Amino acid sequence: MADVTARETPVVDDLGQALNALLLTYLGRAREAVADVPGGPRGFQVLQLSQEQACTNQAGMAAALRLDRTVMTYLVDDLEKAGLIERQPDPADRRARRVVITESGRAALASARVAIREVERETISALDDAEAAQLRALLTKAAQGIDHDTSACEAAGSPPTC
């Protein structure tokens, strides 16, 4: 009779299943790693976008992160209450508000980036450094190939990269 405890790890050759396993592992660890940032991983992403200034208004950020505008409003509210971002009038459109990172936000983002990098390393620990860099590059390339709706960014005068 075969020893059932010595089974091999099943091979996952389905992209969806592999991405799901990685994503669930990553998100679980990322939530813990950035628990002090309002909104967790989403709040971290808003801080990144606001620092990069690639997309500065709420509507454009919501589109870039593929979040409902209502969810984005609550997220920005929480980040603003924590003193990590500020809403400022957009000089290009008086009806719009720019989301601007504060000095406290920059410090929180720097700390969160270190924590997130560690989560990334843990999540893809089966890969060596070269493979991990290649995976990041390929995933970034694949994500850039997705047809994003940038109309909210473009309508607000933000670059289409948001």
C-alpha atoms as a PDB file:
ATOM      1  CA  MET A   1       0.000   0.000   0.000  1.00  0.00           C
ATOM      2  CA  ALA A   2       1.381   3.419  -0.992  1.00  0.00           C
ATOM      3  CA  ASP A   3       2.131   6.089   1.600  1.00  0.00           C
ATOM      4  CA  VAL A   4      -0.517   8.769   1.008  1.00  0.00           C
ATOM      5  CA  THR A   5       1.397  11.348   3.072  1.00  0.00           C
ATOM      6  CA  ALA A   6       4.245  11.370   0.563  1.00  0.00           C
ATOM      7  CA  ARG A   7       2.177  12.587  -2.395  1.00  0.00           C
ATOM      8  CA  GLU A   8       3.751  14.926  -4.849  1.00  0.00           C
ATOM      9  CA  THR A   9       2.499  18.478  -5.059  1.00  0.00           C
ATOM     10  CA  PRO A  10      -0.005  18.567  -7.919  1.00  0.00           C
ATOM     11  CA  VAL A  11       1.125  20.363 -11.040  1.00  0.00           C
ATOM     12  CA  VAL A  12      -1.035  23.352 -11.884  1.00  0.00           C
ATOM     13  CA  ASP A  13      -1.058  23.926 -15.626  1.00  0.00           C
ATOM     14  CA  ASP A  14      -4.151  26.111 -15.748  1.00  0.00           C
ATOM     15  CA  LEU A  15      -3.333  29.836 -15.856  1.00  0.00           C
ATOM     16  CA  GLY A  16      -6.491  30.804 -13.991  1.00  0.00           C
ATOM     17  CA  GLN A  17      -5.846  28.349 -11.195  1.00  0.00           C
ATOM     18  CA  ALA A  18      -2.215  29.412 -10.867  1.00  0.00           C
ATOM     19  CA  LEU A  19      -3.085  33.125 -10.885  1.00  0.00           C
ATOM     20  CA  ASN A  20      -5.844  32.524  -8.340  1.00  0.00           C
ATOM     21  CA  ALA A  21      -3.487  30.670  -5.988  1.00  0.00           C
ATOM     22  CA  LEU A  22      -0.876  33.418  -6.254  1.00  0.00           C
ATOM     23  CA  LEU A  23      -3.422  36.221  -5.909  1.00  0.00           C
ATOM     24  CA  LEU A  24      -5.144  34.766  -2.852  1.00  0.00           C
ATOM     25  CA  THR A  25      -1.791  34.149  -1.167  1.00  0.00           C
ATOM     26  CA  TYR A  26      -0.534  37.621  -2.083  1.00  0.00           C
ATOM     27  CA  LEU A  27      -3.696  39.444  -0.980  1.00  0.00           C
ATOM     28  CA  GLY A  28      -3.870  37.636   2.348  1.00  0.00           C
ATOM     29  CA  ARG A  29      -0.284  38.532   3.165  1.00  0.00           C
ATOM     30  CA  ALA A  30      -0.577  42.053   1.733  1.00  0.00           C
ATOM     31  CA  ARG A  31      -3.596  42.825   3.936  1.00  0.00           C
ATOM     32  CA  GLU A  32      -1.515  41.927   6.982  1.00  0.00           C
ATOM     33  CA  ALA A  33       1.562  43.788   5.740  1.00  0.00           C
ATOM     34  CA  VAL A  34      -0.254  47.095   5.145  1.00  0.00           C
ATOM     35  CA  ALA A  35      -2.919  46.768   7.828  1.00  0.00           C
ATOM     36  CA  ASP A  36      -1.994  50.222   9.169  1.00  0.00           C
ATOM     37  CA  VAL A  37      -2.841  51.856   5.808  1.00  0.00           C
ATOM     38  CA  PRO A  38      -6.551  52.692   5.548  1.00  0.00           C
ATOM     39  CA  GLY A  39      -8.007  50.470   2.841  1.00  0.00           C
ATOM     40  CA  GLY A  40      -5.107  48.011   3.045  1.00  0.00           C
ATOM     41  CA  PRO A  41      -3.706  47.069  -0.382  1.00  0.00           C
ATOM     42  CA  ARG A  42      -6.155  49.390  -2.177  1.00  0.00           C
ATOM     43  CA  GLY A  43      -5.121  52.290   0.047  1.00  0.00           C
ATOM     44  CA  PHE A  44      -1.503  51.437  -0.728  1.00  0.00           C
ATOM     45  CA  GLN A  45      -2.283  51.614  -4.453  1.00  0.00           C
ATOM     46  CA  VAL A  46      -3.953  55.013  -4.059  1.00  0.00           C
ATOM     47  CA  LEU A  47      -0.883  56.309  -2.213  1.00  0.00           C
ATOM     48  CA  GLN A  48       1.328  55.016  -5.026  1.00  0.00           C
ATOM     49  CA  LEU A  49      -0.763  56.674  -7.721  1.00  0.00           C
ATOM     50  CA  SER A  50      -0.868  59.946  -5.815  1.00  0.00           C
ATOM     51  CA  GLN A  51       2.907  59.965  -5.365  1.00  0.00           C
ATOM     52  CA  GLU A  52       3.574  59.077  -9.006  1.00  0.00           C
ATOM     53  CA  GLN A  53       1.080  61.745 -10.100  1.00  0.00           C
ATOM     54  CA  ALA A  54       0.255  59.598 -13.128  1.00  0.00           C
ATOM     55  CA  CYS A  55      -3.437  60.105 -12.436  1.00  0.00           C
ATOM     56  CA  THR A  56      -4.360  62.721  -9.869  1.00  0.00           C
ATOM     57  CA  ASN A  57      -8.155  62.935  -9.694  1.00  0.00           C
ATOM     58  CA  GLN A  58     -10.488  60.510  -7.947  1.00  0.00           C
ATOM     59  CA  ALA A  59     -12.340  59.503 -11.103  1.00  0.00           C
ATOM     60  CA  GLY A  60      -9.132  58.733 -12.958  1.00  0.00           C
ATOM     61  CA  MET A  61      -7.691  56.827 -10.010  1.00  0.00           C
ATOM     62  CA  ALA A  62     -10.880  54.787  -9.704  1.00  0.00           C
ATOM     63  CA  ALA A  63     -10.636  53.899 -13.391  1.00  0.00           C
ATOM     64  CA  ALA A  64      -6.956  53.008 -13.091  1.00  0.00           C
ATOM     65  CA  LEU A  65      -7.587  50.753 -10.104  1.00  0.00           C
ATOM     66  CA  ARG A  66     -10.839  49.436 -11.568  1.00  0.00           C
ATOM     67  CA  LEU A  67     -12.784  50.536  -8.514  1.00  0.00           C
ATOM     68  CA  ASP A  68     -16.329  51.786  -8.323  1.00  0.00           C
ATOM     69  CA  ARG A  69     -16.354  55.575  -7.824  1.00  0.00           C
ATOM     70  CA  THR A  70     -18.314  55.184  -4.582  1.00  0.00           C
ATOM     71  CA  VAL A  71     -15.728  52.773  -3.194  1.00  0.00           C
ATOM     72  CA  MET A  72     -13.004  55.196  -4.273  1.00  0.00           C
ATOM     73  CA  THR A  73     -14.715  58.060  -2.447  1.00  0.00           C
ATOM     74  CA  TYR A  74     -14.825  56.116   0.828  1.00  0.00           C
ATOM     75  CA  LEU A  75     -11.219  55.021   0.372  1.00  0.00           C
ATOM     76  CA  VAL A  76     -10.019  58.581  -0.241  1.00  0.00           C
ATOM     77  CA  ASP A  77     -12.111  59.783   2.722  1.00  0.00           C
ATOM     78  CA  ASP A  78     -10.355  57.277   4.999  1.00  0.00           C
ATOM     79  CA  LEU A  79      -6.892  58.148   3.672  1.00  0.00           C
ATOM     80  CA  GLU A  80      -7.626  61.847   4.113  1.00  0.00           C
ATOM     81  CA  LYS A  81      -8.864  61.343   7.709  1.00  0.00           C
ATOM     82  CA  ALA A  82      -5.587  59.539   8.445  1.00  0.00           C
ATOM     83  CA  GLY A  83      -3.656  62.536   7.089  1.00  0.00           C
ATOM     84  CA  LEU A  84      -2.042  60.519   4.281  1.00  0.00           C
ATOM     85  CA  ILE A  85      -3.567  62.436   1.364  1.00  0.00           C
ATOM     86  CA  GLU A  86      -5.297  65.753   0.750  1.00  0.00           C
ATOM     87  CA  ARG A  87      -7.966  66.716  -1.729  1.00  0.00           C
ATOM     88  CA  GLN A  88      -7.076  69.900  -3.570  1.00  0.00           C
ATOM     89  CA  PRO A  89      -8.928  71.777  -6.303  1.00  0.00           C
ATOM     90  CA  ASP A  90      -7.795  70.768  -9.782  1.00  0.00           C
ATOM     91  CA  PRO A  91      -6.555  73.903 -11.572  1.00  0.00           C
ATOM     92  CA  ALA A  92      -7.602  72.382 -14.903  1.00  0.00           C
ATOM     93  CA  ASP A  93     -11.182  71.654 -13.750  1.00  0.00           C
ATOM     94  CA  ARG A  94     -12.740  73.471 -10.795  1.00  0.00           C
ATOM     95  CA  ARG A  95     -15.315  70.681 -10.389  1.00  0.00           C
ATOM     96  CA  ALA A  96     -12.632  68.023  -9.899  1.00  0.00           C
ATOM     97  CA  ARG A  97     -10.423  67.350  -6.917  1.00  0.00           C
ATOM     98  CA  ARG A  98      -6.817  66.233  -7.130  1.00  0.00           C
ATOM     99  CA  VAL A  99      -5.626  63.592  -4.676  1.00  0.00           C
ATOM    100  CA  VAL A 100      -2.265  64.736  -3.315  1.00  0.00           C
ATOM    101  CA  ILE A 101      -0.046  62.693  -1.021  1.00  0.00           C
ATOM    102  CA  THR A 102       1.110  64.362   2.220  1.00  0.00           C
ATOM    103  CA  GLU A 103       4.484  64.001   3.926  1.00  0.00           C
ATOM    104  CA  SER A 104       2.885  61.523   6.344  1.00  0.00           C
ATOM    105  CA  GLY A 105       1.551  59.685   3.315  1.00  0.00           C
ATOM    106  CA  ARG A 106       5.022  59.534   1.777  1.00  0.00           C
ATOM    107  CA  ALA A 107       6.426  58.040   4.978  1.00  0.00           C
ATOM    108  CA  ALA A 108       3.585  55.498   5.200  1.00  0.00           C
ATOM    109  CA  LEU A 109       4.063  54.616   1.533  1.00  0.00           C
ATOM    110  CA  ALA A 110       7.815  54.087   1.954  1.00  0.00           C
ATOM    111  CA  SER A 111       7.203  51.726   4.867  1.00  0.00           C
ATOM    112  CA  ALA A 112       4.393  49.927   3.055  1.00  0.00           C
ATOM    113  CA  ARG A 113       6.559  49.453  -0.054  1.00  0.00           C
ATOM    114  CA  VAL A 114       9.157  47.588   2.006  1.00  0.00           C
ATOM    115  CA  ALA A 115       6.440  45.383   3.497  1.00  0.00           C
ATOM    116  CA  ILE A 116       4.824  44.727   0.105  1.00  0.00           C
ATOM    117  CA  ARG A 117       8.178  43.799  -1.461  1.00  0.00           C
ATOM    118  CA  GLU A 118       8.621  41.207   1.269  1.00  0.00           C
ATOM    119  CA  VAL A 119       5.125  39.858   0.572  1.00  0.00           C
ATOM    120  CA  GLU A 120       6.027  39.605  -3.118  1.00  0.00           C
ATOM    121  CA  ARG A 121       9.225  37.702  -2.289  1.00  0.00           C
ATOM    122  CA  GLU A 122       7.336  35.300  -0.016  1.00  0.00           C
ATOM    123  CA  THR A 123       4.553  34.760  -2.550  1.00  0.00           C
ATOM    124  CA  ILE A 124       6.916  33.808  -5.373  1.00  0.00           C
ATOM    125  CA  SER A 125       9.613  32.224  -3.217  1.00  0.00           C
ATOM    126  CA  ALA A 126       9.699  29.148  -5.491  1.00  0.00           C
ATOM    127  CA  LEU A 127      11.400  31.349  -8.122  1.00  0.00           C
ATOM    128  CA  ASP A 128      15.011  32.472  -8.130  1.00  0.00           C
ATOM    129  CA  ASP A 129      15.791  36.196  -8.473  1.00  0.00           C
ATOM    130  CA  ALA A 130      16.043  36.107 -12.266  1.00  0.00           C
ATOM    131  CA  GLU A 131      12.780  34.176 -12.604  1.00  0.00           C
ATOM    132  CA  ALA A 132      11.025  36.544 -10.180  1.00  0.00           C
ATOM    133  CA  ALA A 133      12.193  39.565 -12.201  1.00  0.00           C
ATOM    134  CA  GLN A 134      11.048  37.875 -15.405  1.00  0.00           C
ATOM    135  CA  LEU A 135       7.641  37.068 -13.897  1.00  0.00           C
ATOM    136  CA  ARG A 136       7.190  40.688 -12.781  1.00  0.00           C
ATOM    137  CA  ALA A 137       8.165  41.943 -16.242  1.00  0.00           C
ATOM    138  CA  LEU A 138       5.845  39.511 -18.022  1.00  0.00           C
ATOM    139  CA  LEU A 139       2.894  40.216 -15.734  1.00  0.00           C
ATOM    140  CA  THR A 140       3.419  43.959 -16.175  1.00  0.00           C
ATOM    141  CA  LYS A 141       3.546  43.536 -19.947  1.00  0.00           C
ATOM    142  CA  ALA A 142       0.407  41.382 -19.929  1.00  0.00           C
ATOM    143  CA  ALA A 143      -1.441  43.881 -17.714  1.00  0.00           C
ATOM    144  CA  GLN A 144      -0.462  46.754 -19.987  1.00  0.00           C
ATOM    145  CA  GLY A 145      -1.976  44.840 -22.894  1.00  0.00           C
ATOM    146  CA  ILE A 146      -5.407  44.775 -21.272  1.00  0.00           C
ATOM    147  CA  ASP A 147      -7.856  47.196 -22.819  1.00  0.00           C
ATOM    148  CA  HIS A 148      -8.339  49.643 -19.952  1.00  0.00           C
ATOM    149  CA  ASP A 149     -11.122  52.186 -20.001  1.00  0.00           C
ATOM    150  CA  THR A 150      -9.131  55.404 -19.714  1.00  0.00           C
ATOM    151  CA  SER A 151     -11.987  57.705 -20.692  1.00  0.00           C
ATOM    152  CA  ALA A 152     -12.363  59.008 -17.114  1.00  0.00           C
ATOM    153  CA  CYS A 153      -8.658  59.862 -17.011  1.00  0.00           C
ATOM    154  CA  GLU A 154      -8.636  61.473 -20.438  1.00  0.00           C
ATOM    155  CA  ALA A 155     -11.810  63.463 -19.754  1.00  0.00           C
ATOM    156  CA  ALA A 156     -10.174  64.836 -16.615  1.00  0.00           C
ATOM    157  CA  GLY A 157      -7.056  65.838 -18.522  1.00  0.00           C
ATOM    158  CA  SER A 158      -4.901  63.111 -17.000  1.00  0.00           C
ATOM    159  CA  PRO A 159      -2.476  61.127 -19.112  1.00  0.00           C
ATOM    160  CA  PRO A 160      -3.813  57.867 -20.547  1.00  0.00           C
ATOM    161  CA  THR A 161      -1.382  55.900 -18.371  1.00  0.00           C
ATOM    162  CA  CYS A 162      -3.685  56.208 -15.393  1.00  0.00           C
END
